[in-house]
Structures are given as structure tokens and as C-alpha cells.
Protein backbone atom coordinates (compact mmCIF):
# COMPACT_ATOMS: atom_id res chain seq x y z
CA MET A 1 69.37 183.81 24.07
CA VAL A 2 72.84 184.36 25.57
CA LYS A 3 72.11 181.95 28.39
CA LEU A 4 71.05 179.32 25.96
CA GLN A 5 74.13 179.90 23.77
CA ARG A 6 76.37 179.56 26.92
CA SER A 7 74.71 176.44 27.93
CA ILE A 8 75.20 174.96 24.56
CA LEU A 9 78.83 175.97 24.57
CA VAL A 10 79.40 174.54 28.02
CA GLY A 11 77.89 171.32 26.88
CA VAL A 12 80.16 171.28 23.87
CA LEU A 13 83.16 172.03 25.98
CA LEU A 14 82.31 169.29 28.40
CA ALA A 15 82.00 166.97 25.46
CA GLY A 16 85.62 167.87 24.66
CA ALA A 17 84.85 169.24 21.16
CA CYS A 18 86.77 172.51 21.66
CA SER A 19 88.08 175.01 24.24
CA GLU A 20 86.64 178.30 25.30
CA ALA A 21 89.40 180.11 23.51
CA GLU A 22 88.56 178.51 20.27
CA TYR A 23 85.07 179.77 20.56
CA GLY A 24 86.07 183.19 21.98
CA ILE A 25 84.56 182.61 25.39
CA SER A 26 85.75 184.96 28.08
CA ASP A 27 85.47 184.71 31.89
CA LYS A 28 84.01 188.19 31.90
CA PRO A 29 80.27 188.25 31.63
CA GLU A 30 78.64 190.09 28.90
CA ALA A 31 76.49 192.93 29.82
CA VAL A 32 72.91 192.58 28.90
CA GLY A 33 71.35 195.78 29.71
CA ASP A 34 72.13 196.44 33.39
CA THR A 35 72.45 192.69 34.32
CA ALA A 36 75.73 190.78 34.31
CA LEU A 37 76.00 186.95 34.18
CA PRO A 38 77.69 185.41 37.27
CA PRO A 39 80.92 183.58 36.73
CA VAL A 40 80.85 179.76 36.59
CA GLU A 41 82.19 178.30 39.88
CA GLU A 42 84.45 175.23 39.83
CA THR A 43 83.79 172.59 42.55
CA THR A 44 86.10 169.94 44.05
CA PRO A 45 84.51 166.49 44.33
CA GLU A 46 84.19 164.97 47.88
CA THR A 47 86.68 162.20 48.82
CA THR A 48 85.58 158.84 50.57
CA PRO A 49 87.80 157.68 53.50
CA PRO A 50 89.68 154.35 52.96
CA VAL A 51 87.98 151.14 54.20
CA ASP A 52 89.94 148.93 56.74
CA THR A 53 89.76 145.41 55.30
CA ALA A 54 92.06 143.67 57.94
CA VAL A 55 90.44 140.53 59.68
CA PRO A 56 90.65 140.64 63.55
CA GLU A 57 92.85 137.91 65.13
CA ALA A 58 90.75 134.94 66.48
CA VAL A 59 91.12 133.78 70.23
CA GLY A 60 92.13 130.03 70.40
CA ALA A 61 90.51 127.29 72.58
CA PRO A 62 92.20 125.44 75.49
CA ASP A 63 93.01 121.74 75.26
CA ILE A 64 93.86 119.78 78.45
CA VAL A 65 96.14 116.75 78.46
CA VAL A 66 96.84 114.73 81.64
CA ASP A 67 99.70 112.24 81.63
CA PRO A 68 99.51 109.54 82.79
CA VAL A 69 95.80 108.84 83.25
CA SER A 70 96.44 105.56 85.06
CA ILE A 71 98.80 105.05 88.01
CA ASN A 72 99.52 101.62 89.45
CA PHE A 73 101.59 101.72 92.64
CA GLY A 74 101.98 97.94 92.62
CA ALA A 75 102.45 95.94 95.82
CA VAL A 76 103.63 98.16 98.67
CA PRO A 77 104.86 96.89 102.07
CA MET A 78 102.81 97.70 105.13
CA ASP A 79 103.44 101.18 106.57
CA GLU A 80 105.47 102.25 103.50
CA VAL A 81 104.37 105.36 101.53
CA ARG A 82 104.93 105.64 97.78
CA GLU A 83 104.55 108.78 95.61
CA ALA A 84 103.59 109.22 91.96
CA ILE A 85 103.37 112.30 89.71
CA PHE A 86 101.01 113.16 86.90
CA THR A 87 101.31 116.24 84.67
CA ILE A 88 98.52 118.60 83.58
CA SER A 89 99.27 120.41 80.29
CA ASN A 90 97.54 122.92 78.03
CA VAL A 91 98.23 121.95 74.39
CA GLY A 92 95.55 124.27 72.99
CA ASP A 93 95.68 127.82 71.54
CA GLY A 94 93.89 129.58 74.38
CA PRO A 95 94.33 129.84 78.17
CA LEU A 96 93.15 126.88 80.30
CA MET A 97 91.48 127.48 83.65
CA LEU A 98 91.96 124.56 86.06
CA GLY A 99 89.34 123.77 88.69
CA GLU A 100 90.07 122.00 91.96
CA PRO A 101 91.26 118.36 91.50
CA THR A 102 89.61 115.95 93.96
CA LEU A 103 89.95 112.32 95.07
CA ASP A 104 87.06 109.92 94.56
CA VAL A 105 87.83 107.10 97.01
CA GLY A 106 86.14 105.37 99.93
CA HIS A 107 89.21 105.01 102.14
CA ASP A 108 92.39 106.80 103.22
CA ALA A 109 94.89 104.91 101.06
CA PHE A 110 95.51 107.83 98.67
CA THR A 111 96.31 111.50 99.34
CA LEU A 112 96.45 114.25 96.68
CA ASP A 113 98.57 117.40 96.38
CA ALA A 114 97.60 119.27 93.19
CA PRO A 115 97.37 122.93 92.03
CA SER A 116 93.86 124.32 91.69
CA LEU A 117 92.13 127.40 90.35
CA VAL A 118 95.12 128.36 88.19
CA THR A 119 95.33 129.44 84.54
CA LEU A 120 97.67 127.67 82.13
CA ASP A 121 98.68 129.58 79.03
CA PRO A 122 99.18 127.55 75.85
CA GLY A 123 102.19 125.27 76.20
CA MET A 124 102.29 125.46 80.00
CA SER A 125 102.22 122.43 82.39
CA VAL A 126 101.95 121.76 86.13
CA ASP A 127 102.65 118.65 88.20
CA ALA A 128 100.33 116.97 90.72
CA PHE A 129 101.39 114.45 93.37
CA VAL A 130 99.61 111.36 94.73
CA GLU A 131 100.78 109.37 97.76
CA TYR A 132 99.76 105.78 98.51
CA LEU A 133 99.74 104.05 101.90
CA PRO A 134 98.28 100.52 101.66
CA VAL A 135 95.04 99.90 103.52
CA THR A 136 93.74 96.63 102.10
CA GLY A 137 94.88 93.90 99.76
CA ALA A 138 93.64 95.90 96.75
CA ASP A 139 93.01 99.68 96.87
CA VAL A 140 91.48 101.64 93.97
CA GLY A 141 90.51 105.29 93.46
CA LEU A 142 90.16 108.18 91.01
CA VAL A 143 91.52 111.70 90.72
CA LEU A 144 89.03 114.07 89.04
CA VAL A 145 90.72 117.01 87.23
CA PRO A 146 88.17 119.68 86.16
CA SER A 147 88.89 122.53 83.72
CA ASP A 148 87.21 124.80 81.18
CA ASP A 149 88.27 122.60 78.24
CA PRO A 150 85.07 122.58 76.15
CA ASP A 151 85.68 119.03 74.91
CA THR A 152 86.91 117.38 78.12
CA PRO A 153 85.61 119.27 81.16
CA VAL A 154 86.77 116.51 83.59
CA VAL A 155 89.76 114.17 83.18
CA GLU A 156 89.92 111.02 85.33
CA VAL A 157 93.18 109.56 86.63
CA ASP A 158 92.84 105.91 87.66
CA LEU A 159 94.68 104.89 90.87
CA ARG A 160 95.53 101.36 91.95
CA GLY A 161 97.68 99.78 94.64
CA ALA A 162 97.92 96.72 96.85
CA LEU A 163 99.32 95.67 100.20
CA GLU A 164 102.38 93.52 99.73
CA GLU A 165 102.11 90.20 101.47
CA PRO A 166 104.80 90.47 104.13
CA GLU A 167 107.20 87.74 105.09
CA ILE A 168 105.69 86.32 108.23
CA PRO A 169 107.46 85.37 111.46
CA THR A 170 107.98 81.72 112.32
CA ALA A 171 106.70 80.25 115.57
CA VAL A 172 108.77 77.37 116.94
CA CYS A 173 107.33 75.65 119.98
CA SER A 174 108.02 72.69 122.24
CA VAL A 175 107.34 71.51 125.78
CA SER A 176 109.80 70.32 128.39
CA PRO A 177 109.63 67.70 129.63
CA THR A 178 107.35 66.01 127.11
CA ALA A 179 105.74 63.81 129.78
CA VAL A 180 104.97 64.58 133.43
CA GLU A 181 103.03 62.99 136.25
CA ALA A 182 99.55 64.48 136.44
CA ILE A 183 99.09 66.89 139.36
CA HIS A 184 102.50 66.04 140.83
CA GLU A 185 104.78 67.60 138.21
CA THR A 186 104.94 70.67 135.99
CA ALA A 187 106.13 71.40 132.45
CA THR A 188 107.33 74.47 130.54
CA TRP A 189 105.94 75.54 127.16
CA LEU A 190 108.89 76.85 125.11
CA GLY A 191 108.88 79.39 122.26
CA THR A 192 112.49 80.57 122.28
CA GLY A 193 113.23 79.22 118.80
CA SER A 194 110.71 81.56 117.14
CA SER A 195 112.01 84.24 114.76
CA ASP A 196 111.18 87.08 112.37
CA PRO A 197 112.80 87.18 108.89
CA ASP A 198 113.76 90.83 109.37
CA GLY A 199 114.79 90.42 112.98
CA ARG A 200 111.83 92.44 114.24
CA PRO A 201 110.78 92.09 117.91
CA LEU A 202 108.13 89.50 118.68
CA THR A 203 105.33 88.95 121.16
CA TYR A 204 104.23 85.45 122.15
CA ALA A 205 100.62 84.28 122.55
CA TRP A 206 100.16 80.85 124.12
CA ARG A 207 96.86 79.01 124.54
CA LEU A 208 95.62 75.49 125.21
CA VAL A 209 93.79 74.06 122.22
CA SER A 210 92.92 70.61 123.56
CA VAL A 211 92.94 68.86 126.93
CA PRO A 212 91.58 65.52 128.19
CA PRO A 213 87.80 65.47 128.80
CA GLY A 214 87.12 66.83 132.27
CA ALA A 215 90.47 68.58 132.64
CA LEU A 216 90.38 72.23 133.69
CA PRO A 217 93.98 73.47 133.64
CA SER A 218 95.09 77.00 132.84
CA MET A 219 97.98 78.29 130.79
CA PRO A 220 100.49 80.00 133.10
CA ALA A 221 100.59 83.77 132.85
CA GLY A 222 103.57 85.53 131.33
CA ALA A 223 104.69 88.81 129.78
CA PRO A 224 103.80 89.10 126.06
CA THR A 225 107.51 89.42 125.21
CA ASP A 226 108.39 86.26 127.19
CA PRO A 227 108.57 83.26 124.85
CA ASN A 228 108.16 80.63 127.59
CA ARG A 229 105.37 79.66 129.96
CA PRO A 230 106.79 77.65 132.88
CA GLY A 231 104.84 75.99 135.68
CA PHE A 232 102.06 74.22 133.74
CA ARG A 233 100.42 71.56 135.90
CA PRO A 234 98.06 69.04 134.24
CA ASP A 235 95.18 67.96 136.47
CA LEU A 236 94.11 64.75 134.69
CA VAL A 237 95.89 61.98 132.86
CA GLY A 238 95.99 62.46 129.09
CA LEU A 239 97.27 64.68 126.28
CA TYR A 240 97.50 68.48 126.48
CA THR A 241 98.11 70.43 123.27
CA ALA A 242 99.19 74.06 123.35
CA GLU A 243 99.42 76.56 120.49
CA LEU A 244 101.91 79.39 120.01
CA VAL A 245 101.46 82.34 117.66
CA VAL A 246 104.15 85.01 117.44
CA THR A 247 103.52 88.54 116.15
CA ASN A 248 106.06 91.18 115.12
CA ASP A 249 105.85 94.90 115.85
CA LEU A 250 104.11 95.51 112.49
CA GLY A 251 101.23 93.30 113.57
CA VAL A 252 102.18 90.43 111.23
CA SER A 253 101.50 87.07 112.85
CA SER A 254 102.95 83.63 112.27
CA GLU A 255 101.17 80.44 111.47
CA PRO A 256 100.27 78.64 114.71
CA CYS A 257 102.70 76.11 116.15
CA GLU A 258 101.35 73.24 118.24
CA THR A 259 103.08 70.98 120.71
CA THR A 260 101.73 68.25 122.98
CA LEU A 261 102.41 67.24 126.57
CA GLU A 262 101.49 63.84 127.98
CA ALA A 263 100.33 63.60 131.57
CA ILE A 264 100.72 60.12 133.07
CA PRO A 265 99.46 58.57 136.32
CA ALA A 266 101.77 59.21 139.25
CA ALA A 267 101.04 55.89 140.93
CA ASP A 268 100.22 52.28 140.07
CA LEU A 269 96.64 52.73 141.29
CA TRP A 270 95.20 56.00 140.04
CA VAL A 271 91.51 56.98 140.29
CA GLU A 272 90.17 60.30 138.99
CA MET A 273 86.71 61.86 138.84
CA PHE A 274 84.99 64.89 137.26
CA TRP A 275 81.39 65.97 136.67
CA GLU A 276 79.38 68.01 134.17
CA HIS A 277 77.68 70.83 136.08
CA SER A 278 79.36 73.20 138.49
CA GLY A 279 77.74 74.26 141.72
CA ASP A 280 77.63 70.64 142.91
CA ASP A 281 80.11 69.13 145.36
CA MET A 282 80.91 65.55 144.40
CA ASP A 283 83.30 63.78 146.79
CA LEU A 284 85.45 60.84 145.73
CA HIS A 285 85.82 57.95 148.27
CA MET A 286 88.12 54.91 148.16
CA VAL A 287 87.32 52.24 150.80
CA ARG A 288 89.97 49.67 151.71
CA GLY A 289 88.88 46.04 151.81
CA GLY A 290 85.57 45.68 153.63
CA GLY A 291 85.96 48.92 155.57
CA SER A 292 83.21 51.41 156.37
CA LEU A 293 82.44 54.73 154.71
CA GLU A 294 83.90 57.79 156.38
CA SER A 295 86.12 55.73 158.66
CA GLY A 296 89.87 55.19 158.87
CA GLN A 297 89.50 52.65 156.06
CA ASP A 298 87.92 55.26 153.74
CA CYS A 299 90.13 57.81 151.95
CA TYR A 300 88.09 60.99 151.34
CA TYR A 301 88.23 64.77 151.79
CA ALA A 302 87.98 64.73 155.61
CA ASN A 303 91.04 62.55 156.33
CA CYS A 304 93.09 61.91 153.20
CA ARG A 305 94.28 65.20 151.72
CA SER A 306 97.64 64.73 153.45
CA GLY A 307 97.62 60.96 153.13
CA LEU A 308 96.25 58.15 155.26
CA SER A 309 98.28 55.37 156.94
CA TRP A 310 96.82 52.09 155.75
CA GLY A 311 99.08 49.19 155.92
CA PRO A 312 102.25 47.29 156.48
CA GLY A 313 103.79 48.51 153.22
CA GLY A 314 104.61 51.91 154.68
CA PRO A 315 103.98 55.26 152.93
CA ALA A 316 104.11 53.66 149.46
CA GLY A 317 100.96 51.74 150.30
CA ASP A 318 99.08 54.71 151.72
CA PRO A 319 96.39 56.55 149.72
CA THR A 320 96.42 60.27 148.99
CA LEU A 321 93.60 62.58 147.88
CA ASP A 322 95.47 65.10 145.70
CA ILE A 323 92.57 67.42 144.79
CA ASP A 324 89.29 68.15 146.55
CA ASP A 325 87.08 70.40 144.43
CA ILE A 326 84.04 71.94 146.12
CA GLY A 327 82.11 74.31 143.85
CA GLY A 328 83.36 73.51 140.38
CA ARG A 329 83.35 70.48 138.08
CA GLY A 330 86.35 68.69 139.51
CA PRO A 331 88.58 66.99 139.01
CA GLU A 332 89.40 64.95 142.10
CA ASN A 333 91.75 62.02 142.37
CA ILE A 334 92.99 59.36 144.82
CA ASN A 335 96.16 57.35 144.22
CA ILE A 336 98.24 54.61 145.86
CA GLU A 337 101.82 54.18 144.76
CA VAL A 338 102.09 50.48 145.73
CA PRO A 339 98.65 49.01 146.48
CA GLU A 340 98.09 45.96 148.67
CA ASP A 341 96.79 42.69 147.26
CA LEU A 342 93.22 43.30 148.33
CA THR A 343 90.09 45.07 147.04
CA TYR A 344 89.26 48.78 146.97
CA GLN A 345 85.77 50.20 146.42
CA VAL A 346 85.27 53.49 144.54
CA ILE A 347 82.21 55.46 145.71
CA VAL A 348 80.94 58.99 144.95
CA HIS A 349 79.11 61.09 147.55
CA ASP A 350 76.88 63.99 146.42
CA TYR A 351 77.75 66.25 149.33
CA PRO A 352 74.78 68.46 150.35
CA GLY A 353 76.87 71.54 151.07
CA SER A 354 76.71 72.58 147.38
CA ARG A 355 73.49 71.93 145.48
CA HIS A 356 72.67 71.47 141.83
CA THR A 357 69.06 71.08 140.70
CA GLY A 358 68.61 68.05 138.48
CA GLY A 359 70.92 65.25 137.46
CA ASN A 360 74.66 65.60 137.14
CA ASP A 361 76.79 63.32 134.96
CA VAL A 362 79.79 62.04 136.91
CA THR A 363 82.73 60.28 135.25
CA VAL A 364 85.23 58.00 137.03
CA ARG A 365 88.41 56.59 135.45
CA VAL A 366 90.61 53.88 136.95
CA TYR A 367 94.25 53.42 135.85
CA LEU A 368 96.20 50.29 136.82
CA GLY A 369 99.93 50.34 136.23
CA GLY A 370 99.64 53.50 134.12
CA VAL A 371 96.95 52.09 131.81
CA LEU A 372 93.32 53.14 131.67
CA GLU A 373 91.55 49.98 132.83
CA TRP A 374 88.01 51.18 133.49
CA GLU A 375 85.83 54.25 132.86
CA ASP A 376 82.15 54.99 133.37
CA THR A 377 79.79 57.96 133.50
CA ARG A 378 76.68 57.90 135.66
CA THR A 379 73.96 60.44 136.39
CA ILE A 380 73.61 61.30 140.06
CA SER A 381 70.46 63.01 141.32
CA GLY A 382 69.54 63.95 144.85
CA GLU A 383 71.71 65.45 147.55
CA ASP A 384 73.61 63.48 150.17
CA THR A 385 73.55 60.22 148.20
CA TYR A 386 76.33 57.61 147.85
CA THR A 387 76.81 55.93 144.48
CA GLY A 388 79.09 52.92 144.06
CA PHE A 389 81.07 52.93 140.82
CA ALA A 390 83.72 50.20 140.81
CA GLU A 391 85.62 47.58 142.82
CA ILE A 392 89.33 47.17 142.19
CA ASP A 393 91.01 43.80 142.90
CA TRP A 394 94.70 44.53 142.93
CA SER A 395 95.65 40.89 143.32
CA THR A 396 94.17 40.14 139.89
CA ARG A 397 94.58 43.66 138.42
CA THR A 398 90.89 43.77 137.50
CA VAL A 399 88.10 46.32 137.89
CA THR A 400 84.41 45.43 138.28
CA SER A 401 81.46 47.78 138.05
CA LEU A 402 79.33 48.22 141.19
């Protein structure tokens, strides 16, 4: 019963109706027989540790910016190098890891000097350098800039450049004298008036671009730095055109310059011959009056290369064989400075010492008083044959075919 009464009292007390003193409750247990009630123990409630509600700080992302993304070097003179700079920046909130920038080109016009495999903290920048040396008229390329930017893993930088058209040298050419006697005289091709706009040193390239049909002259040799070519000897009557091109030490060449030399007959009666195929020996004969072949009245290779005494007019009336060609294609010629008033026969001998299989076209020209009076081409076949071409009547200044 006591236990029940205490329980009821405790419940009342907990309900706040009254205190133990009011109800005469003592901390000492009442004795019930030999058993004492244990004292009521007070307990302290457990405490819960405080909860950390702070949000952890977020790590930002990188953001690459390359400026500029297009570089135009413009027109650059030959052998000149130009440099340009582009900047790589991190404008993001987190560190940016750069890869290795590379060039994507098919030539050697561009070279790249750029940092690689570096980390850029937010707000940091680095510079990269590109050099350009012109290769062609229009050079293009790309720089590829890789990074760990999640939005732009590779940035492209466009490269462009061009070779500046240089100011070219000027070739100035002439020939002196402008007219010479064929075989007997020489001329000089002149290039001394040529120039370079920047005063750079020049080399001179001469060549023959046109000669009379049948002519086989050669341009005199000379040092590349020598502007002139003296000693040119034309071997047939007609026009000879030479071309000069000058080039400076950068390899820039001029437009060609052309100049023309006239070769004229050296005597009043001038006969020349050439043929198509080499390896055949065609011999030119001129027979005086009604003389015989290969006699004192026939000017040919055996007796006339130093002249042949023919008549009362003295040396001026004597014939001369200026050229005797054996294995080539000619030319050969016979001339008389002051012919006699009689006839001369022009005959061609296919000498058997040099042989050509098949026909060979032979051309003979006859000049009277410096004017081409007669020309013909005939096919000669068979060795050791004599072919009459023309008869010249000096008294009437006429030529007749034979």
C-alpha cells in the first residue's frame, strides 16, 4: 500500500499539484517491517552534440581565352622574318592546365615558340610567339592550343601571310655595232645599263633567241657578273636577236631585254650554203666562166680557203671560201668583192668522206650588191654527186636556176 501511495504522490508531484513538503514526504524511507524503501535517484538527461550546417566551398572551372585567334602577317619581303604574339589567359574560377601547342601547316613558313604543360591559375596569362618567313605567294596555317577547358578543349589560331612582290631589276641591252659583215666582223652584246632598284649586285644571262635559218653561231662565254659579251661573229647574212635577263643576289630576275644585230654580206657577190642533217659533208663550188670543176677556175675547199687569183682586177676580183664545214650542217660561203662581168656557176658536191643515209635538204642563197637575189632548197641523195644550183651573170646582175 505504501508503494502505491508513493507512486500516486510522485505522479501528483510531477503534475505540479504540490510539493513533497506539503504532503509531508521525507527522503527517509519508512520502515515496513525489516525492509526499507530505496531512495529515488535523480538522473541528468543526455545532451546531443551540435550539428555543423556550413556548406563546403565549391571548386571553380577553368575558362581559356586566346587573343587574337587570327594573325595576318600581310605581305612580307623575301628573306625577311616577322613576329607576332598571341596571349593565352585563364578567365575561369579554377586552374587551367595547358597542353602542348602545335602548328598545323604543310610548309616551313611559320615557327612557334609557346609554353606547354603549364598550369594557369585564375586570372593568369602567358604569351606565345609565331614567326613568319615567306615561302610562297600565299601561306596559311593553324596553331592548335589544347587545354583542360571542358567547353573548349582546343583553340585554333589562324595564321596567314604572303610574299611581297619585290621590285625587280631592269635589264638594259644593246649591241655594238648594230650591223656587221657576216663572218668577217664581230659585235659586242652590251648590258652595262642594267640596274637594281636597291642597288643590289647583278648577274647577267645572255642567250640567242633567234638567228637566220641555217645559222649556227654561239653566244660568247663570259663571267656571270660581266654585263657584256664581246666577240660575237655571225656566220650567215640576216638578223640575230639576243636576250638579256639580269638577276639580283636575292634571286629576283628582270623582264627579258632583247636587241638585234644585222649581219650583211661582206662582198658584192655573196653565196652561202647550209644543209639539214649533220654527218654529211656538202662542199660549195663556184666555177668561173666556162671553167672545169676542181680546177684553177673552180673555187672550193681544196684551193680557195686562202683565196684564189682569178683575174685582171687584182685581189678584189678574187674569190674566197670563208668557211668549210665537214661534219656538221654548214654553213659555207664563197664571196667576191668586185666580180668580173662574166658568169659564175654554183654547184654542190656531196663529198663521200662523210656519209648520211637518205636525202639531205641543201639550201643555197645568192646575194648581189647586198640584196638577196636568189634562194633555193634541193634534196641531195647519193654520195659523191655534183648538183648544179644556179648561174650568176654579173654583167646583167641576174641569177638563173640550173
